[in-house]
Amino acid sequence: MINRRIISGILLGLFSVMALFSDLLFVLTVIVLISLGLYEFFSLIEKKNIQMYKYFGIVLGIVIPLSIYLKFELTRGWELIFISAALITLFVLQFSRRESTNAVLGISTTMFGIIYVAWFFSFMIKLKLLPHGTALVACLLLVTKGADIGAFLIGSRWGRNTLIPRISPKKTIEGTLGGVFFGILGACVSKSFLPDLPIFSWTNMFFLGLGLGILGLLGDLSESLIKRDCVAKDSNNLFPGMGGVLDVIDSLLFTAPAFYFYLNYHISRVFTSGAGF
């Protein structure tokens, strides 16, 4: 299991590096991961006998990253318009069904999947389109995946005290602390290739690694909660030793939006002061 996990991790890491240096390949990768992630999410929910709009959700999940990449923005807050339109469409689709049993549950779950998987992961593209986007995404991956790897390594070797056993029996307090440490380490390493700006000072990188490391581990726990509720060990077995797409991107679903909003806030302050980024 560990050997397969290492091999899968190395192959995914190499492919991620390749995708970083090609905008088109990067966007296509994000779209494919969103599509597969949504399929896995809806398949998990189907185990609870909830009728959803799986393929409608997947199509909408593809539209979100495409619209971001193509810069199709009707208004500044176009995401809210998009979500409102999607919700109305789901109600219309529900009207065509013969039964109304669990209608609210089906509509809510479909919307949740779109936001949780598609919208959150689409922030990877938003980060890539920022100035120095390649370096920013590399930093995010180094911190988030570094925390994942650290939690696994430290937890496997020294983990004794379970963190939240009712959600994930294998996650330990020692592994969590190790993950946060590796996240901080990843942020400090990232300073070597990030722009020399106050936003990326040693102090800021320390707290960035701490914050993103914690958020990434929360993302991992959140997906574990979903799998536990649906009585599933992994979301899929696409990646030997690692599970499915959701098992691979779960931590990024929380860290990508947080990192983008953090940068967006500081970038707006930089431009307001007349400096460049």
C-alpha atoms as a PDB file:
ATOM      1  CA  MET A   1       0.000   0.000   0.000  1.00  0.00           C
ATOM      2  CA  ILE A   2       2.749   2.466   0.984  1.00  0.00           C
ATOM      3  CA  ASN A   3       4.811   1.613  -2.125  1.00  0.00           C
ATOM      4  CA  ARG A   4       1.812   2.173  -4.388  1.00  0.00           C
ATOM      5  CA  ARG A   5       1.065   5.429  -2.600  1.00  0.00           C
ATOM      6  CA  ILE A   6       4.651   6.632  -3.122  1.00  0.00           C
ATOM      7  CA  ILE A   7       4.603   5.714  -6.827  1.00  0.00           C
ATOM      8  CA  SER A   8       1.237   7.408  -7.357  1.00  0.00           C
ATOM      9  CA  GLY A   9       2.477  10.489  -5.486  1.00  0.00           C
ATOM     10  CA  ILE A  10       5.653  10.732  -7.580  1.00  0.00           C
ATOM     11  CA  LEU A  11       3.755  10.379 -10.866  1.00  0.00           C
ATOM     12  CA  LEU A  12       1.161  12.968  -9.826  1.00  0.00           C
ATOM     13  CA  GLY A  13       3.945  15.303  -8.695  1.00  0.00           C
ATOM     14  CA  LEU A  14       5.775  15.032 -12.030  1.00  0.00           C
ATOM     15  CA  PHE A  15       2.594  15.655 -13.984  1.00  0.00           C
ATOM     16  CA  SER A  16       1.752  18.658 -11.786  1.00  0.00           C
ATOM     17  CA  VAL A  17       5.154  20.196 -12.528  1.00  0.00           C
ATOM     18  CA  MET A  18       4.563  19.745 -16.276  1.00  0.00           C
ATOM     19  CA  ALA A  19       1.086  21.297 -16.045  1.00  0.00           C
ATOM     20  CA  LEU A  20       2.412  24.333 -14.174  1.00  0.00           C
ATOM     21  CA  PHE A  21       4.361  25.503 -17.222  1.00  0.00           C
ATOM     22  CA  SER A  22       1.468  25.262 -19.689  1.00  0.00           C
ATOM     23  CA  ASP A  23      -1.679  27.311 -19.092  1.00  0.00           C
ATOM     24  CA  LEU A  24      -3.754  25.141 -21.440  1.00  0.00           C
ATOM     25  CA  LEU A  25      -2.596  21.870 -19.887  1.00  0.00           C
ATOM     26  CA  PHE A  26      -3.142  23.308 -16.417  1.00  0.00           C
ATOM     27  CA  VAL A  27      -6.720  24.395 -17.193  1.00  0.00           C
ATOM     28  CA  LEU A  28      -7.536  21.071 -18.864  1.00  0.00           C
ATOM     29  CA  THR A  29      -6.150  19.230 -15.844  1.00  0.00           C
ATOM     30  CA  VAL A  30      -8.305  21.290 -13.472  1.00  0.00           C
ATOM     31  CA  ILE A  31     -11.397  20.654 -15.617  1.00  0.00           C
ATOM     32  CA  VAL A  32     -10.750  16.896 -15.746  1.00  0.00           C
ATOM     33  CA  LEU A  33     -10.173  16.744 -11.982  1.00  0.00           C
ATOM     34  CA  ILE A  34     -13.367  18.719 -11.341  1.00  0.00           C
ATOM     35  CA  SER A  35     -15.373  16.422 -13.637  1.00  0.00           C
ATOM     36  CA  LEU A  36     -14.040  13.254 -12.017  1.00  0.00           C
ATOM     37  CA  GLY A  37     -14.288  14.760  -8.537  1.00  0.00           C
ATOM     38  CA  LEU A  38     -17.937  15.674  -9.045  1.00  0.00           C
ATOM     39  CA  TYR A  39     -18.684  12.227 -10.442  1.00  0.00           C
ATOM     40  CA  GLU A  40     -17.104  10.661  -7.355  1.00  0.00           C
ATOM     41  CA  PHE A  41     -18.952  13.026  -5.025  1.00  0.00           C
ATOM     42  CA  PHE A  42     -22.356  12.351  -6.579  1.00  0.00           C
ATOM     43  CA  SER A  43     -21.635   8.605  -6.670  1.00  0.00           C
ATOM     44  CA  LEU A  44     -20.902   8.709  -2.943  1.00  0.00           C
ATOM     45  CA  ILE A  45     -24.153  10.530  -2.233  1.00  0.00           C
ATOM     46  CA  GLU A  46     -26.093   8.025  -4.356  1.00  0.00           C
ATOM     47  CA  LYS A  47     -25.134   5.381  -1.796  1.00  0.00           C
ATOM     48  CA  LYS A  48     -27.576   7.177   0.532  1.00  0.00           C
ATOM     49  CA  ASN A  49     -30.394   6.743  -2.038  1.00  0.00           C
ATOM     50  CA  ILE A  50     -30.658  10.477  -2.676  1.00  0.00           C
ATOM     51  CA  GLN A  51     -31.844  11.417  -6.154  1.00  0.00           C
ATOM     52  CA  MET A  52     -29.677  14.193  -7.544  1.00  0.00           C
ATOM     53  CA  TYR A  53     -28.933  15.808 -10.868  1.00  0.00           C
ATOM     54  CA  LYS A  54     -25.540  14.222 -11.348  1.00  0.00           C
ATOM     55  CA  TYR A  55     -24.853  15.043 -14.987  1.00  0.00           C
ATOM     56  CA  PHE A  56     -26.364  18.518 -14.780  1.00  0.00           C
ATOM     57  CA  GLY A  57     -24.026  19.165 -11.849  1.00  0.00           C
ATOM     58  CA  ILE A  58     -21.009  17.861 -13.763  1.00  0.00           C
ATOM     59  CA  VAL A  59     -21.805  20.072 -16.781  1.00  0.00           C
ATOM     60  CA  LEU A  60     -22.112  23.124 -14.540  1.00  0.00           C
ATOM     61  CA  GLY A  61     -18.892  22.084 -12.834  1.00  0.00           C
ATOM     62  CA  ILE A  62     -17.107  22.230 -16.199  1.00  0.00           C
ATOM     63  CA  VAL A  63     -18.627  25.598 -17.089  1.00  0.00           C
ATOM     64  CA  ILE A  64     -17.245  27.289 -13.948  1.00  0.00           C
ATOM     65  CA  PRO A  65     -13.499  26.800 -14.644  1.00  0.00           C
ATOM     66  CA  LEU A  66     -14.012  27.431 -18.365  1.00  0.00           C
ATOM     67  CA  SER A  67     -15.740  30.754 -17.703  1.00  0.00           C
ATOM     68  CA  ILE A  68     -12.897  31.769 -15.370  1.00  0.00           C
ATOM     69  CA  TYR A  69     -10.206  30.873 -17.921  1.00  0.00           C
ATOM     70  CA  LEU A  70     -12.054  32.581 -20.788  1.00  0.00           C
ATOM     71  CA  LYS A  71     -12.760  35.586 -18.503  1.00  0.00           C
ATOM     72  CA  PHE A  72     -16.481  35.393 -19.167  1.00  0.00           C
ATOM     73  CA  GLU A  73     -17.821  37.717 -16.478  1.00  0.00           C
ATOM     74  CA  LEU A  74     -21.256  39.259 -16.911  1.00  0.00           C
ATOM     75  CA  THR A  75     -20.764  41.365 -13.800  1.00  0.00           C
ATOM     76  CA  ARG A  76     -18.155  41.703 -11.088  1.00  0.00           C
ATOM     77  CA  GLY A  77     -20.161  39.346  -8.883  1.00  0.00           C
ATOM     78  CA  TRP A  78     -21.042  36.948 -11.689  1.00  0.00           C
ATOM     79  CA  GLU A  79     -20.593  33.895  -9.428  1.00  0.00           C
ATOM     80  CA  LEU A  80     -23.703  34.872  -7.447  1.00  0.00           C
ATOM     81  CA  ILE A  81     -25.706  35.228 -10.680  1.00  0.00           C
ATOM     82  CA  PHE A  82     -24.408  31.848 -11.814  1.00  0.00           C
ATOM     83  CA  ILE A  83     -25.368  30.145  -8.544  1.00  0.00           C
ATOM     84  CA  SER A  84     -28.818  31.768  -8.598  1.00  0.00           C
ATOM     85  CA  ALA A  85     -29.421  30.626 -12.199  1.00  0.00           C
ATOM     86  CA  ALA A  86     -28.249  27.103 -11.352  1.00  0.00           C
ATOM     87  CA  LEU A  87     -30.588  26.922  -8.369  1.00  0.00           C
ATOM     88  CA  ILE A  88     -33.582  28.099 -10.418  1.00  0.00           C
ATOM     89  CA  THR A  89     -32.747  25.540 -13.133  1.00  0.00           C
ATOM     90  CA  LEU A  90     -32.631  22.763 -10.533  1.00  0.00           C
ATOM     91  CA  PHE A  91     -36.092  23.711  -9.316  1.00  0.00           C
ATOM     92  CA  VAL A  92     -37.397  23.636 -12.890  1.00  0.00           C
ATOM     93  CA  LEU A  93     -35.852  20.200 -13.390  1.00  0.00           C
ATOM     94  CA  GLN A  94     -37.478  19.030 -10.176  1.00  0.00           C
ATOM     95  CA  PHE A  95     -40.905  20.140 -11.472  1.00  0.00           C
ATOM     96  CA  SER A  96     -40.572  17.601 -14.302  1.00  0.00           C
ATOM     97  CA  ARG A  97     -40.155  14.657 -11.936  1.00  0.00           C
ATOM     98  CA  ARG A  98     -43.110  12.498 -10.992  1.00  0.00           C
ATOM     99  CA  GLU A  99     -42.207  12.361  -7.319  1.00  0.00           C
ATOM    100  CA  SER A 100     -41.240  15.141  -4.945  1.00  0.00           C
ATOM    101  CA  THR A 101     -39.772  12.898  -2.254  1.00  0.00           C
ATOM    102  CA  ASN A 102     -36.497  14.313  -0.912  1.00  0.00           C
ATOM    103  CA  ALA A 103     -36.657  17.150  -3.452  1.00  0.00           C
ATOM    104  CA  VAL A 104     -34.967  19.622  -1.115  1.00  0.00           C
ATOM    105  CA  LEU A 105     -32.277  17.071  -0.288  1.00  0.00           C
ATOM    106  CA  GLY A 106     -31.555  16.361  -3.961  1.00  0.00           C
ATOM    107  CA  ILE A 107     -31.399  20.032  -4.982  1.00  0.00           C
ATOM    108  CA  SER A 108     -29.309  21.008  -1.959  1.00  0.00           C
ATOM    109  CA  THR A 109     -26.851  18.162  -2.452  1.00  0.00           C
ATOM    110  CA  THR A 110     -26.400  18.989  -6.132  1.00  0.00           C
ATOM    111  CA  MET A 111     -25.682  22.640  -5.331  1.00  0.00           C
ATOM    112  CA  PHE A 112     -23.351  21.657  -2.516  1.00  0.00           C
ATOM    113  CA  GLY A 113     -21.349  19.408  -4.854  1.00  0.00           C
ATOM    114  CA  ILE A 114     -21.023  22.165  -7.456  1.00  0.00           C
ATOM    115  CA  ILE A 115     -19.792  24.704  -4.890  1.00  0.00           C
ATOM    116  CA  TYR A 116     -17.644  22.308  -2.854  1.00  0.00           C
ATOM    117  CA  VAL A 117     -15.825  20.627  -5.755  1.00  0.00           C
ATOM    118  CA  ALA A 118     -16.166  22.802  -8.860  1.00  0.00           C
ATOM    119  CA  TRP A 119     -16.187  26.346  -7.509  1.00  0.00           C
ATOM    120  CA  PHE A 120     -13.612  25.816  -4.764  1.00  0.00           C
ATOM    121  CA  PHE A 121     -11.159  23.955  -7.018  1.00  0.00           C
ATOM    122  CA  SER A 122     -11.594  26.543  -9.799  1.00  0.00           C
ATOM    123  CA  PHE A 123      -9.646  28.964  -7.622  1.00  0.00           C
ATOM    124  CA  MET A 124      -6.585  27.065  -8.850  1.00  0.00           C
ATOM    125  CA  ILE A 125      -7.162  28.722 -12.241  1.00  0.00           C
ATOM    126  CA  LYS A 126      -7.741  32.125 -10.637  1.00  0.00           C
ATOM    127  CA  LEU A 127      -4.380  31.775  -8.912  1.00  0.00           C
ATOM    128  CA  LYS A 128      -2.670  30.730 -12.146  1.00  0.00           C
ATOM    129  CA  LEU A 129      -3.996  33.839 -13.926  1.00  0.00           C
ATOM    130  CA  LEU A 130      -2.556  36.214 -11.315  1.00  0.00           C
ATOM    131  CA  PRO A 131       0.849  37.882 -11.856  1.00  0.00           C
ATOM    132  CA  HIS A 132       3.546  35.280 -11.069  1.00  0.00           C
ATOM    133  CA  GLY A 133       0.754  32.705 -11.192  1.00  0.00           C
ATOM    134  CA  THR A 134       3.034  29.722 -11.803  1.00  0.00           C
ATOM    135  CA  ALA A 135       5.073  30.494  -8.671  1.00  0.00           C
ATOM    136  CA  LEU A 136       1.918  31.099  -6.627  1.00  0.00           C
ATOM    137  CA  VAL A 137       0.355  27.763  -7.597  1.00  0.00           C
ATOM    138  CA  ALA A 138       3.678  26.017  -6.948  1.00  0.00           C
ATOM    139  CA  CYS A 139       3.725  27.592  -3.475  1.00  0.00           C
ATOM    140  CA  LEU A 140       0.163  26.455  -2.784  1.00  0.00           C
ATOM    141  CA  LEU A 141       0.925  22.889  -3.873  1.00  0.00           C
ATOM    142  CA  LEU A 142       4.152  22.792  -1.876  1.00  0.00           C
ATOM    143  CA  VAL A 143       2.451  23.984   1.312  1.00  0.00           C
ATOM    144  CA  THR A 144      -0.773  21.985   0.980  1.00  0.00           C
ATOM    145  CA  LYS A 145       0.687  18.741  -0.277  1.00  0.00           C
ATOM    146  CA  GLY A 146       3.664  19.143   2.035  1.00  0.00           C
ATOM    147  CA  ALA A 147       1.212  19.214   4.937  1.00  0.00           C
ATOM    148  CA  ASP A 148      -0.525  16.099   3.556  1.00  0.00           C
ATOM    149  CA  ILE A 149       2.760  14.238   3.237  1.00  0.00           C
ATOM    150  CA  GLY A 150       3.964  15.378   6.648  1.00  0.00           C
ATOM    151  CA  ALA A 151       0.740  14.271   8.323  1.00  0.00           C
ATOM    152  CA  PHE A 152       1.005  10.849   6.659  1.00  0.00           C
ATOM    153  CA  LEU A 153       4.697  10.315   7.460  1.00  0.00           C
ATOM    154  CA  ILE A 154       4.622  11.535  11.053  1.00  0.00           C
ATOM    155  CA  GLY A 155       1.251   9.927  11.754  1.00  0.00           C
ATOM    156  CA  SER A 156       2.357   6.552  10.348  1.00  0.00           C
ATOM    157  CA  ARG A 157       5.584   6.549  12.361  1.00  0.00           C
ATOM    158  CA  TRP A 158       4.732   8.284  15.625  1.00  0.00           C
ATOM    159  CA  GLY A 159       0.950   8.609  15.647  1.00  0.00           C
ATOM    160  CA  ARG A 160      -0.539   7.354  18.913  1.00  0.00           C
ATOM    161  CA  ASN A 161      -3.429   9.629  19.848  1.00  0.00           C
ATOM    162  CA  THR A 162      -6.368   9.733  17.449  1.00  0.00           C
ATOM    163  CA  LEU A 163      -7.642  13.174  16.465  1.00  0.00           C
ATOM    164  CA  ILE A 164     -11.364  12.604  15.763  1.00  0.00           C
ATOM    165  CA  PRO A 165     -11.874   8.815  15.643  1.00  0.00           C
ATOM    166  CA  ARG A 166     -15.574   8.998  14.743  1.00  0.00           C
ATOM    167  CA  ILE A 167     -14.607  10.759  11.483  1.00  0.00           C
ATOM    168  CA  SER A 168     -11.182   9.343  10.657  1.00  0.00           C
ATOM    169  CA  PRO A 169      -9.764   6.649  12.983  1.00  0.00           C
ATOM    170  CA  LYS A 170      -6.299   6.762  11.361  1.00  0.00           C
ATOM    171  CA  LYS A 171      -5.690  10.504  11.736  1.00  0.00           C
ATOM    172  CA  THR A 172      -3.699  11.346  14.830  1.00  0.00           C
ATOM    173  CA  ILE A 173      -2.766  14.451  16.799  1.00  0.00           C
ATOM    174  CA  GLU A 174       0.913  13.723  16.125  1.00  0.00           C
ATOM    175  CA  GLY A 175       0.241  13.458  12.401  1.00  0.00           C
ATOM    176  CA  THR A 176      -1.697  16.723  12.435  1.00  0.00           C
ATOM    177  CA  LEU A 177       1.157  18.562  14.166  1.00  0.00           C
ATOM    178  CA  GLY A 178       3.601  17.020  11.699  1.00  0.00           C
ATOM    179  CA  GLY A 179       1.427  18.155   8.804  1.00  0.00           C
ATOM    180  CA  VAL A 180       1.314  21.735  10.084  1.00  0.00           C
ATOM    181  CA  PHE A 181       5.100  21.716  10.532  1.00  0.00           C
ATOM    182  CA  PHE A 182       5.645  20.471   6.977  1.00  0.00           C
ATOM    183  CA  GLY A 183       3.195  23.115   5.719  1.00  0.00           C
ATOM    184  CA  ILE A 184       5.257  25.856   7.383  1.00  0.00           C
ATOM    185  CA  LEU A 185       8.423  24.276   5.964  1.00  0.00           C
ATOM    186  CA  GLY A 186       6.881  24.258   2.473  1.00  0.00           C
ATOM    187  CA  ALA A 187       5.979  27.941   2.785  1.00  0.00           C
ATOM    188  CA  CYS A 188       9.526  28.831   3.836  1.00  0.00           C
ATOM    189  CA  VAL A 189      10.969  26.870   0.887  1.00  0.00           C
ATOM    190  CA  SER A 190       8.543  28.679  -1.436  1.00  0.00           C
ATOM    191  CA  LYS A 191      10.078  32.024  -0.481  1.00  0.00           C
ATOM    192  CA  SER A 192      13.086  31.139  -2.643  1.00  0.00           C
ATOM    193  CA  PHE A 193      11.078  31.372  -5.892  1.00  0.00           C
ATOM    194  CA  LEU A 194       8.365  33.897  -4.965  1.00  0.00           C
ATOM    195  CA  PRO A 195       8.704  37.628  -5.784  1.00  0.00           C
ATOM    196  CA  ASP A 196      10.744  39.638  -3.306  1.00  0.00           C
ATOM    197  CA  LEU A 197       7.815  41.533  -1.808  1.00  0.00           C
ATOM    198  CA  PRO A 198       6.727  42.387   1.766  1.00  0.00           C
ATOM    199  CA  ILE A 199       3.728  40.067   1.378  1.00  0.00           C
ATOM    200  CA  PHE A 200       6.204  37.167   1.161  1.00  0.00           C
ATOM    201  CA  SER A 201       8.376  38.128   4.131  1.00  0.00           C
ATOM    202  CA  TRP A 202       9.629  35.375   6.436  1.00  0.00           C
ATOM    203  CA  THR A 203       7.017  36.262   9.044  1.00  0.00           C
ATOM    204  CA  ASN A 204       4.180  36.238   6.520  1.00  0.00           C
ATOM    205  CA  MET A 205       5.377  32.949   5.022  1.00  0.00           C
ATOM    206  CA  PHE A 206       5.441  31.364   8.471  1.00  0.00           C
ATOM    207  CA  PHE A 207       1.837  32.334   9.189  1.00  0.00           C
ATOM    208  CA  LEU A 208       0.811  31.497   5.611  1.00  0.00           C
ATOM    209  CA  GLY A 209       2.226  27.988   6.010  1.00  0.00           C
ATOM    210  CA  LEU A 210       0.547  27.662   9.401  1.00  0.00           C
ATOM    211  CA  GLY A 211      -2.855  28.831   8.112  1.00  0.00           C
ATOM    212  CA  LEU A 212      -2.843  26.872   4.857  1.00  0.00           C
ATOM    213  CA  GLY A 213      -1.470  23.797   6.611  1.00  0.00           C
ATOM    214  CA  ILE A 214      -4.360  23.826   9.083  1.00  0.00           C
ATOM    215  CA  LEU A 215      -6.927  24.541   6.347  1.00  0.00           C
ATOM    216  CA  GLY A 216      -5.577  21.701   4.202  1.00  0.00           C
ATOM    217  CA  LEU A 217      -5.909  19.246   7.069  1.00  0.00           C
ATOM    218  CA  LEU A 218      -9.445  20.518   7.709  1.00  0.00           C
ATOM    219  CA  GLY A 219     -10.216  19.894   4.033  1.00  0.00           C
ATOM    220  CA  ASP A 220      -8.939  16.350   4.394  1.00  0.00           C
ATOM    221  CA  LEU A 221     -11.073  15.810   7.498  1.00  0.00           C
ATOM    222  CA  SER A 222     -14.142  17.268   5.760  1.00  0.00           C
ATOM    223  CA  GLU A 223     -13.882  14.782   2.914  1.00  0.00           C
ATOM    224  CA  SER A 224     -13.395  12.002   5.467  1.00  0.00           C
ATOM    225  CA  LEU A 225     -16.643  13.129   7.095  1.00  0.00           C
ATOM    226  CA  ILE A 226     -18.465  12.842   3.746  1.00  0.00           C
ATOM    227  CA  LYS A 227     -17.023   9.376   3.104  1.00  0.00           C
ATOM    228  CA  ARG A 228     -17.877   8.272   6.654  1.00  0.00           C
ATOM    229  CA  ASP A 229     -21.461   9.446   6.193  1.00  0.00           C
ATOM    230  CA  CYS A 230     -21.676   7.547   2.892  1.00  0.00           C
ATOM    231  CA  VAL A 231     -19.963   4.458   4.373  1.00  0.00           C
ATOM    232  CA  ALA A 232     -17.017   4.512   1.963  1.00  0.00           C
ATOM    233  CA  LYS A 233     -13.280   4.139   2.623  1.00  0.00           C
ATOM    234  CA  ASP A 234     -12.130   6.034  -0.492  1.00  0.00           C
ATOM    235  CA  SER A 235     -13.978   8.149  -3.041  1.00  0.00           C
ATOM    236  CA  ASN A 236     -12.589   5.848  -5.767  1.00  0.00           C
ATOM    237  CA  ASN A 237      -9.529   3.717  -6.518  1.00  0.00           C
ATOM    238  CA  LEU A 238      -8.234   5.687  -9.493  1.00  0.00           C
ATOM    239  CA  PHE A 239      -4.834   6.334  -7.895  1.00  0.00           C
ATOM    240  CA  PRO A 240      -3.385   3.142  -6.356  1.00  0.00           C
ATOM    241  CA  GLY A 241      -2.634   3.589  -2.671  1.00  0.00           C
ATOM    242  CA  MET A 242      -4.198   7.063  -2.593  1.00  0.00           C
ATOM    243  CA  GLY A 243      -7.845   6.595  -3.577  1.00  0.00           C
ATOM    244  CA  GLY A 244      -9.835   8.753  -5.958  1.00  0.00           C
ATOM    245  CA  VAL A 245      -9.674  12.321  -7.215  1.00  0.00           C
ATOM    246  CA  LEU A 246     -11.467  13.705  -4.156  1.00  0.00           C
ATOM    247  CA  ASP A 247      -8.919  11.976  -1.921  1.00  0.00           C
ATOM    248  CA  VAL A 248      -6.144  13.779  -3.805  1.00  0.00           C
ATOM    249  CA  ILE A 249      -7.632  17.288  -4.060  1.00  0.00           C
ATOM    250  CA  ASP A 250      -9.636  17.452  -0.801  1.00  0.00           C
ATOM    251  CA  SER A 251      -7.078  19.623   1.017  1.00  0.00           C
ATOM    252  CA  LEU A 252      -6.747  21.995  -1.964  1.00  0.00           C
ATOM    253  CA  LEU A 253     -10.499  22.617  -1.953  1.00  0.00           C
ATOM    254  CA  PHE A 254     -10.023  24.693   1.202  1.00  0.00           C
ATOM    255  CA  THR A 255      -6.545  26.134   0.668  1.00  0.00           C
ATOM    256  CA  ALA A 256      -6.948  27.365  -2.937  1.00  0.00           C
ATOM    257  CA  PRO A 257      -9.803  29.847  -2.194  1.00  0.00           C
ATOM    258  CA  ALA A 258      -8.144  30.978   1.045  1.00  0.00           C
ATOM    259  CA  PHE A 259      -4.784  31.623  -0.657  1.00  0.00           C
ATOM    260  CA  TYR A 260      -6.484  33.483  -3.518  1.00  0.00           C
ATOM    261  CA  PHE A 261      -8.442  35.788  -1.185  1.00  0.00           C
ATOM    262  CA  TYR A 262      -5.303  36.384   0.885  1.00  0.00           C
ATOM    263  CA  LEU A 263      -3.362  37.407  -2.229  1.00  0.00           C
ATOM    264  CA  ASN A 264      -6.234  39.403  -3.700  1.00  0.00           C
ATOM    265  CA  TYR A 265      -6.496  41.450  -0.519  1.00  0.00           C
ATOM    266  CA  HIS A 266      -2.794  42.251  -0.466  1.00  0.00           C
ATOM    267  CA  ILE A 267      -2.595  42.885  -4.231  1.00  0.00           C
ATOM    268  CA  SER A 268      -5.397  45.452  -4.000  1.00  0.00           C
ATOM    269  CA  ARG A 269      -3.497  47.194  -1.186  1.00  0.00           C
ATOM    270  CA  VAL A 270      -0.278  47.171  -3.239  1.00  0.00           C
ATOM    271  CA  PHE A 271      -1.914  48.757  -6.265  1.00  0.00           C
ATOM    272  CA  THR A 272      -3.737  51.294  -4.074  1.00  0.00           C
ATOM    273  CA  SER A 273      -0.361  52.412  -2.733  1.00  0.00           C
ATOM    274  CA  GLY A 274       0.963  52.768  -6.293  1.00  0.00           C
ATOM    275  CA  ALA A 275       3.476  49.906  -6.102  1.00  0.00           C
ATOM    276  CA  GLY A 276       3.665  46.953  -8.474  1.00  0.00           C
ATOM    277  CA  PHE A 277       3.178  43.243  -7.896  1.00  0.00           C
END
